[in-house]
Amino acid sequence: MADTFFRAGYIESWGRGIEKMLTAFQEAGLPEPIFEESWGGVMVTLLKDIYTEVHLRTLDINERQIRAILFIKEHGSITNTAYQKLNNLGKTFSTTELIDLSEKQLIEKVGTTSRGTRYVLKGRNGHK
């Protein structure tokens, strides 16, 4: 079967498909697919991008939080200080809003010290 796909031009070389697929997903800013062995075969789950502005507006988050998520999507991460500057807020209020986004499973905290702490999109591991 694989030989037929190769001859038809659906695949161009052996053994590089998953690598190329992962690269394409990363370049497109999409979550990596999930590969699982299932019943003697392989199951691939493709995840949609939930971080579009249209989808974010359907969630229970405010404009500042939407702005921050789009910032993270573009830049890879955000710090509390950057969130404060982006939204013209004080530290306490920005911390509260970042915690809210974490509790809603949209972002996750990376690092443990205040200066080393940043927030990335959930499941993106800090990649753009």
N, C-alpha and C. Protein backbone atom coordinates (compact mmCIF):
# COMPACT_ATOMS: atom_id res chain seq x y z
N MET A 1 0.83 -1.19 0.00
CA MET A 1 0.00 0.00 0.00
C MET A 1 0.88 1.26 0.00
N ALA A 2 1.93 1.25 0.85
CA ALA A 2 2.81 2.41 0.90
C ALA A 2 3.48 2.65 -0.44
N ASP A 3 3.85 1.56 -1.13
CA ASP A 3 4.48 1.68 -2.43
C ASP A 3 3.55 2.36 -3.43
N THR A 4 2.28 2.04 -3.36
CA THR A 4 1.28 2.65 -4.24
C THR A 4 1.19 4.16 -4.00
N PHE A 5 1.16 4.56 -2.72
CA PHE A 5 1.12 5.99 -2.39
C PHE A 5 2.39 6.70 -2.87
N PHE A 6 3.54 6.01 -2.74
CA PHE A 6 4.81 6.59 -3.19
C PHE A 6 4.77 6.82 -4.71
N ARG A 7 4.34 5.82 -5.46
CA ARG A 7 4.28 5.93 -6.92
C ARG A 7 3.26 6.97 -7.38
N ALA A 8 2.20 7.13 -6.60
CA ALA A 8 1.17 8.12 -6.96
C ALA A 8 1.59 9.54 -6.60
N GLY A 9 2.70 9.68 -5.87
CA GLY A 9 3.18 11.01 -5.51
C GLY A 9 2.60 11.57 -4.22
N TYR A 10 1.88 10.73 -3.47
CA TYR A 10 1.31 11.19 -2.20
C TYR A 10 2.37 11.28 -1.10
N ILE A 11 3.44 10.49 -1.23
CA ILE A 11 4.56 10.58 -0.30
C ILE A 11 5.82 10.72 -1.14
N GLU A 12 6.84 11.42 -0.62
CA GLU A 12 8.03 11.64 -1.43
C GLU A 12 9.24 10.84 -0.98
N SER A 13 9.28 10.40 0.28
CA SER A 13 10.38 9.56 0.73
C SER A 13 9.93 8.75 1.94
N TRP A 14 10.64 7.71 2.24
CA TRP A 14 10.27 6.81 3.33
C TRP A 14 10.79 7.33 4.67
N GLY A 15 9.98 7.28 5.69
CA GLY A 15 10.43 7.54 7.05
C GLY A 15 10.55 8.99 7.47
N ARG A 16 10.09 9.92 6.69
CA ARG A 16 10.21 11.33 7.06
C ARG A 16 8.87 12.00 7.28
N GLY A 17 7.79 11.27 7.13
CA GLY A 17 6.46 11.86 7.19
C GLY A 17 6.12 12.51 8.51
N ILE A 18 6.38 11.80 9.61
CA ILE A 18 6.04 12.36 10.92
C ILE A 18 6.90 13.57 11.22
N GLU A 19 8.18 13.48 10.91
CA GLU A 19 9.08 14.62 11.13
C GLU A 19 8.62 15.85 10.36
N LYS A 20 8.26 15.67 9.09
CA LYS A 20 7.80 16.78 8.27
C LYS A 20 6.47 17.33 8.78
N MET A 21 5.61 16.43 9.24
CA MET A 21 4.31 16.86 9.76
C MET A 21 4.49 17.70 11.03
N LEU A 22 5.37 17.26 11.94
CA LEU A 22 5.61 18.02 13.16
C LEU A 22 6.18 19.40 12.85
N THR A 23 7.09 19.46 11.90
CA THR A 23 7.67 20.74 11.50
C THR A 23 6.60 21.67 10.94
N ALA A 24 5.73 21.13 10.09
CA ALA A 24 4.66 21.94 9.50
C ALA A 24 3.69 22.46 10.55
N PHE A 25 3.34 21.63 11.52
CA PHE A 25 2.45 22.08 12.58
C PHE A 25 3.11 23.18 13.40
N GLN A 26 4.39 23.01 13.74
CA GLN A 26 5.09 24.02 14.53
C GLN A 26 5.18 25.34 13.76
N GLU A 27 5.52 25.27 12.48
CA GLU A 27 5.62 26.49 11.66
C GLU A 27 4.29 27.20 11.53
N ALA A 28 3.20 26.46 11.56
CA ALA A 28 1.86 27.05 11.46
C ALA A 28 1.34 27.52 12.80
N GLY A 29 2.11 27.29 13.88
CA GLY A 29 1.67 27.71 15.20
C GLY A 29 0.55 26.86 15.76
N LEU A 30 0.44 25.63 15.28
CA LEU A 30 -0.62 24.73 15.74
C LEU A 30 -0.08 23.74 16.77
N PRO A 31 -0.95 23.24 17.63
CA PRO A 31 -0.51 22.23 18.59
C PRO A 31 -0.05 20.97 17.85
N GLU A 32 0.97 20.31 18.41
CA GLU A 32 1.46 19.08 17.80
C GLU A 32 0.40 17.99 17.89
N PRO A 33 0.29 17.15 16.85
CA PRO A 33 -0.67 16.05 16.91
C PRO A 33 -0.27 15.05 18.00
N ILE A 34 -1.23 14.29 18.45
CA ILE A 34 -0.98 13.26 19.46
C ILE A 34 -0.96 11.92 18.75
N PHE A 35 0.14 11.18 18.90
CA PHE A 35 0.29 9.86 18.29
C PHE A 35 0.11 8.80 19.37
N GLU A 36 -0.77 7.84 19.10
CA GLU A 36 -1.03 6.77 20.07
C GLU A 36 -1.12 5.43 19.34
N GLU A 37 -0.56 4.39 19.97
CA GLU A 37 -0.71 3.04 19.44
C GLU A 37 -2.06 2.55 19.90
N SER A 38 -2.83 2.01 18.98
CA SER A 38 -4.18 1.57 19.32
C SER A 38 -4.56 0.34 18.51
N TRP A 39 -4.83 -0.75 19.18
CA TRP A 39 -5.30 -1.98 18.54
C TRP A 39 -4.41 -2.41 17.37
N GLY A 40 -3.12 -2.34 17.58
CA GLY A 40 -2.19 -2.79 16.55
C GLY A 40 -1.97 -1.79 15.44
N GLY A 41 -2.52 -0.61 15.56
CA GLY A 41 -2.33 0.44 14.57
C GLY A 41 -1.89 1.72 15.25
N VAL A 42 -1.91 2.78 14.52
CA VAL A 42 -1.54 4.09 15.05
C VAL A 42 -2.72 5.04 14.89
N MET A 43 -3.03 5.75 15.97
CA MET A 43 -4.09 6.74 15.91
C MET A 43 -3.45 8.12 16.07
N VAL A 44 -3.80 9.03 15.18
CA VAL A 44 -3.27 10.39 15.23
C VAL A 44 -4.43 11.34 15.48
N THR A 45 -4.29 12.17 16.53
CA THR A 45 -5.31 13.16 16.85
C THR A 45 -4.78 14.53 16.47
N LEU A 46 -5.49 15.21 15.58
CA LEU A 46 -5.12 16.57 15.17
C LEU A 46 -5.94 17.55 15.98
N LEU A 47 -5.26 18.47 16.63
CA LEU A 47 -5.92 19.43 17.50
C LEU A 47 -6.12 20.75 16.77
N LYS A 48 -7.25 21.37 16.98
CA LYS A 48 -7.49 22.66 16.35
C LYS A 48 -6.82 23.77 17.17
N ASP A 49 -6.63 24.90 16.55
CA ASP A 49 -6.04 26.04 17.24
C ASP A 49 -7.15 26.76 18.00
N ILE A 50 -7.14 26.63 19.32
CA ILE A 50 -8.17 27.28 20.14
C ILE A 50 -7.80 28.72 20.48
N TYR A 51 -6.61 29.15 20.02
CA TYR A 51 -6.13 30.47 20.38
C TYR A 51 -6.38 31.51 19.29
N THR A 52 -7.48 31.39 18.58
CA THR A 52 -7.84 32.43 17.61
C THR A 52 -8.68 33.47 18.34
N GLU A 53 -8.62 34.70 17.86
CA GLU A 53 -9.38 35.77 18.50
C GLU A 53 -10.88 35.48 18.49
N VAL A 54 -11.38 34.92 17.40
CA VAL A 54 -12.81 34.60 17.30
C VAL A 54 -13.20 33.61 18.39
N HIS A 55 -12.43 32.54 18.57
CA HIS A 55 -12.75 31.55 19.59
C HIS A 55 -12.58 32.12 21.00
N LEU A 56 -11.52 32.90 21.21
CA LEU A 56 -11.28 33.47 22.54
C LEU A 56 -12.44 34.35 23.00
N ARG A 57 -13.09 35.03 22.06
CA ARG A 57 -14.22 35.90 22.41
C ARG A 57 -15.44 35.11 22.88
N THR A 58 -15.46 33.81 22.63
CA THR A 58 -16.58 32.98 23.10
C THR A 58 -16.35 32.47 24.52
N LEU A 59 -15.16 32.70 25.04
CA LEU A 59 -14.81 32.21 26.38
C LEU A 59 -15.10 33.28 27.43
N ASP A 60 -15.09 32.86 28.67
CA ASP A 60 -15.35 33.76 29.79
C ASP A 60 -14.06 34.45 30.23
N ILE A 61 -13.49 35.26 29.32
CA ILE A 61 -12.28 36.03 29.63
C ILE A 61 -12.46 37.44 29.10
N ASN A 62 -11.71 38.38 29.69
CA ASN A 62 -11.87 39.78 29.31
C ASN A 62 -10.92 40.18 28.17
N GLU A 63 -11.07 41.42 27.69
CA GLU A 63 -10.27 41.92 26.57
C GLU A 63 -8.78 41.89 26.88
N ARG A 64 -8.39 42.23 28.11
CA ARG A 64 -6.98 42.22 28.48
C ARG A 64 -6.41 40.81 28.38
N GLN A 65 -7.19 39.84 28.82
CA GLN A 65 -6.74 38.45 28.76
C GLN A 65 -6.63 37.97 27.32
N ILE A 66 -7.58 38.37 26.48
CA ILE A 66 -7.51 38.02 25.06
C ILE A 66 -6.25 38.63 24.45
N ARG A 67 -5.99 39.90 24.75
CA ARG A 67 -4.80 40.58 24.24
C ARG A 67 -3.53 39.83 24.67
N ALA A 68 -3.50 39.38 25.91
CA ALA A 68 -2.33 38.67 26.42
C ALA A 68 -2.13 37.32 25.73
N ILE A 69 -3.22 36.59 25.51
CA ILE A 69 -3.11 35.30 24.83
C ILE A 69 -2.61 35.48 23.40
N LEU A 70 -3.10 36.49 22.71
CA LEU A 70 -2.63 36.76 21.35
C LEU A 70 -1.16 37.19 21.37
N PHE A 71 -0.75 37.92 22.42
CA PHE A 71 0.65 38.30 22.60
C PHE A 71 1.51 37.04 22.77
N ILE A 72 1.06 36.12 23.63
CA ILE A 72 1.81 34.88 23.85
C ILE A 72 1.89 34.08 22.56
N LYS A 73 0.80 34.03 21.83
CA LYS A 73 0.78 33.28 20.56
C LYS A 73 1.82 33.83 19.59
N GLU A 74 1.99 35.15 19.57
CA GLU A 74 2.95 35.78 18.66
C GLU A 74 4.38 35.70 19.17
N HIS A 75 4.58 35.87 20.49
CA HIS A 75 5.93 35.99 21.05
C HIS A 75 6.40 34.74 21.80
N GLY A 76 5.53 33.78 22.05
CA GLY A 76 5.95 32.55 22.72
C GLY A 76 5.68 32.51 24.21
N SER A 77 5.71 33.67 24.86
CA SER A 77 5.44 33.72 26.30
C SER A 77 5.20 35.17 26.72
N ILE A 78 4.77 35.32 27.98
CA ILE A 78 4.58 36.65 28.56
C ILE A 78 4.96 36.58 30.03
N THR A 79 5.53 37.65 30.54
CA THR A 79 5.83 37.76 31.96
C THR A 79 4.77 38.62 32.62
N ASN A 80 4.75 38.62 33.94
CA ASN A 80 3.80 39.46 34.65
C ASN A 80 4.07 40.93 34.32
N THR A 81 5.34 41.30 34.26
CA THR A 81 5.70 42.69 33.93
C THR A 81 5.20 43.08 32.54
N ALA A 82 5.37 42.18 31.57
CA ALA A 82 4.90 42.46 30.21
C ALA A 82 3.37 42.56 30.18
N TYR A 83 2.69 41.71 30.97
CA TYR A 83 1.22 41.77 31.05
C TYR A 83 0.80 43.13 31.60
N GLN A 84 1.51 43.61 32.64
CA GLN A 84 1.20 44.91 33.23
C GLN A 84 1.34 46.02 32.20
N LYS A 85 2.44 46.01 31.44
CA LYS A 85 2.68 47.04 30.42
C LYS A 85 1.67 46.95 29.28
N LEU A 86 1.38 45.74 28.85
CA LEU A 86 0.45 45.52 27.75
C LEU A 86 -0.94 46.05 28.07
N ASN A 87 -1.34 45.92 29.34
CA ASN A 87 -2.70 46.26 29.74
C ASN A 87 -2.80 47.46 30.69
N ASN A 88 -1.66 48.12 30.96
CA ASN A 88 -1.64 49.28 31.85
C ASN A 88 -2.27 48.95 33.21
N LEU A 89 -1.76 47.88 33.84
CA LEU A 89 -2.28 47.42 35.13
C LEU A 89 -1.18 47.36 36.17
N GLY A 90 -1.59 47.27 37.43
CA GLY A 90 -0.65 47.02 38.51
C GLY A 90 -0.38 45.54 38.65
N LYS A 91 0.64 45.21 39.47
CA LYS A 91 1.07 43.83 39.63
C LYS A 91 -0.01 42.92 40.21
N THR A 92 -0.72 43.38 41.23
CA THR A 92 -1.72 42.54 41.89
C THR A 92 -2.83 42.14 40.91
N PHE A 93 -3.33 43.12 40.17
CA PHE A 93 -4.43 42.85 39.23
C PHE A 93 -3.96 41.94 38.09
N SER A 94 -2.76 42.20 37.58
CA SER A 94 -2.25 41.37 36.48
C SER A 94 -2.01 39.93 36.96
N THR A 95 -1.51 39.77 38.18
CA THR A 95 -1.32 38.43 38.73
C THR A 95 -2.64 37.69 38.83
N THR A 96 -3.67 38.37 39.29
CA THR A 96 -5.01 37.77 39.41
C THR A 96 -5.51 37.30 38.05
N GLU A 97 -5.33 38.11 37.01
CA GLU A 97 -5.82 37.74 35.68
C GLU A 97 -5.00 36.61 35.06
N LEU A 98 -3.70 36.59 35.32
CA LEU A 98 -2.88 35.49 34.81
C LEU A 98 -3.23 34.17 35.51
N ILE A 99 -3.48 34.23 36.80
CA ILE A 99 -3.91 33.04 37.54
C ILE A 99 -5.24 32.54 37.00
N ASP A 100 -6.15 33.47 36.70
CA ASP A 100 -7.45 33.09 36.14
C ASP A 100 -7.28 32.35 34.81
N LEU A 101 -6.40 32.84 33.95
CA LEU A 101 -6.15 32.16 32.67
C LEU A 101 -5.54 30.78 32.89
N SER A 102 -4.69 30.66 33.91
CA SER A 102 -4.10 29.36 34.24
C SER A 102 -5.16 28.39 34.73
N GLU A 103 -6.04 28.87 35.59
CA GLU A 103 -7.10 28.02 36.13
C GLU A 103 -8.08 27.58 35.04
N LYS A 104 -8.21 28.39 34.00
CA LYS A 104 -9.10 28.05 32.88
C LYS A 104 -8.37 27.18 31.85
N GLN A 105 -7.15 26.76 32.18
CA GLN A 105 -6.36 25.85 31.34
C GLN A 105 -5.99 26.43 29.97
N LEU A 106 -5.89 27.76 29.89
CA LEU A 106 -5.50 28.40 28.63
C LEU A 106 -4.00 28.66 28.57
N ILE A 107 -3.40 28.95 29.73
CA ILE A 107 -1.97 29.17 29.80
C ILE A 107 -1.41 28.36 30.96
N GLU A 108 -0.07 28.23 30.98
CA GLU A 108 0.57 27.56 32.10
C GLU A 108 1.82 28.33 32.50
N LYS A 109 2.11 28.28 33.77
CA LYS A 109 3.25 28.98 34.35
C LYS A 109 4.51 28.15 34.17
N VAL A 110 5.58 28.81 33.75
CA VAL A 110 6.88 28.16 33.58
C VAL A 110 7.87 28.92 34.44
N GLY A 111 8.63 28.22 35.26
CA GLY A 111 9.59 28.85 36.15
C GLY A 111 9.03 29.01 37.55
N THR A 112 9.92 29.24 38.51
CA THR A 112 9.48 29.30 39.90
C THR A 112 9.76 30.61 40.60
N THR A 113 10.75 31.35 40.15
CA THR A 113 11.04 32.63 40.80
C THR A 113 10.31 33.75 40.08
N SER A 114 10.05 34.82 40.78
CA SER A 114 9.26 35.90 40.18
C SER A 114 9.88 36.45 38.90
N ARG A 115 11.19 36.66 38.88
CA ARG A 115 11.83 37.18 37.66
C ARG A 115 11.94 36.13 36.57
N GLY A 116 12.00 34.86 36.97
CA GLY A 116 12.13 33.78 36.00
C GLY A 116 10.81 33.19 35.55
N THR A 117 9.71 33.72 36.07
CA THR A 117 8.40 33.17 35.74
C THR A 117 7.87 33.78 34.45
N ARG A 118 7.37 32.92 33.60
CA ARG A 118 6.70 33.38 32.39
C ARG A 118 5.51 32.47 32.16
N TYR A 119 4.64 32.88 31.29
CA TYR A 119 3.43 32.12 30.99
C TYR A 119 3.42 31.78 29.51
N VAL A 120 3.09 30.52 29.21
CA VAL A 120 3.02 30.04 27.83
C VAL A 120 1.63 29.46 27.58
N LEU A 121 1.28 29.29 26.32
CA LEU A 121 0.00 28.69 25.99
C LEU A 121 0.00 27.23 26.43
N LYS A 122 -1.09 26.79 26.99
CA LYS A 122 -1.22 25.43 27.49
C LYS A 122 -0.96 24.43 26.37
N GLY A 123 -0.02 23.52 26.60
CA GLY A 123 0.27 22.49 25.62
C GLY A 123 1.21 22.91 24.50
N ARG A 124 1.71 24.14 24.56
CA ARG A 124 2.59 24.60 23.48
C ARG A 124 4.06 24.60 23.90
N ASN A 125 4.34 24.38 25.17
CA ASN A 125 5.72 24.31 25.67
C ASN A 125 6.55 25.55 25.34
N GLY A 126 5.89 26.66 25.20
CA GLY A 126 6.61 27.91 25.00
C GLY A 126 7.06 28.17 23.58
N HIS A 127 6.66 27.34 22.63
CA HIS A 127 7.03 27.57 21.23
C HIS A 127 6.08 28.56 20.60
N LYS A 128 6.63 29.33 19.67
CA LYS A 128 5.77 30.25 18.91
C LYS A 128 4.80 29.47 18.08
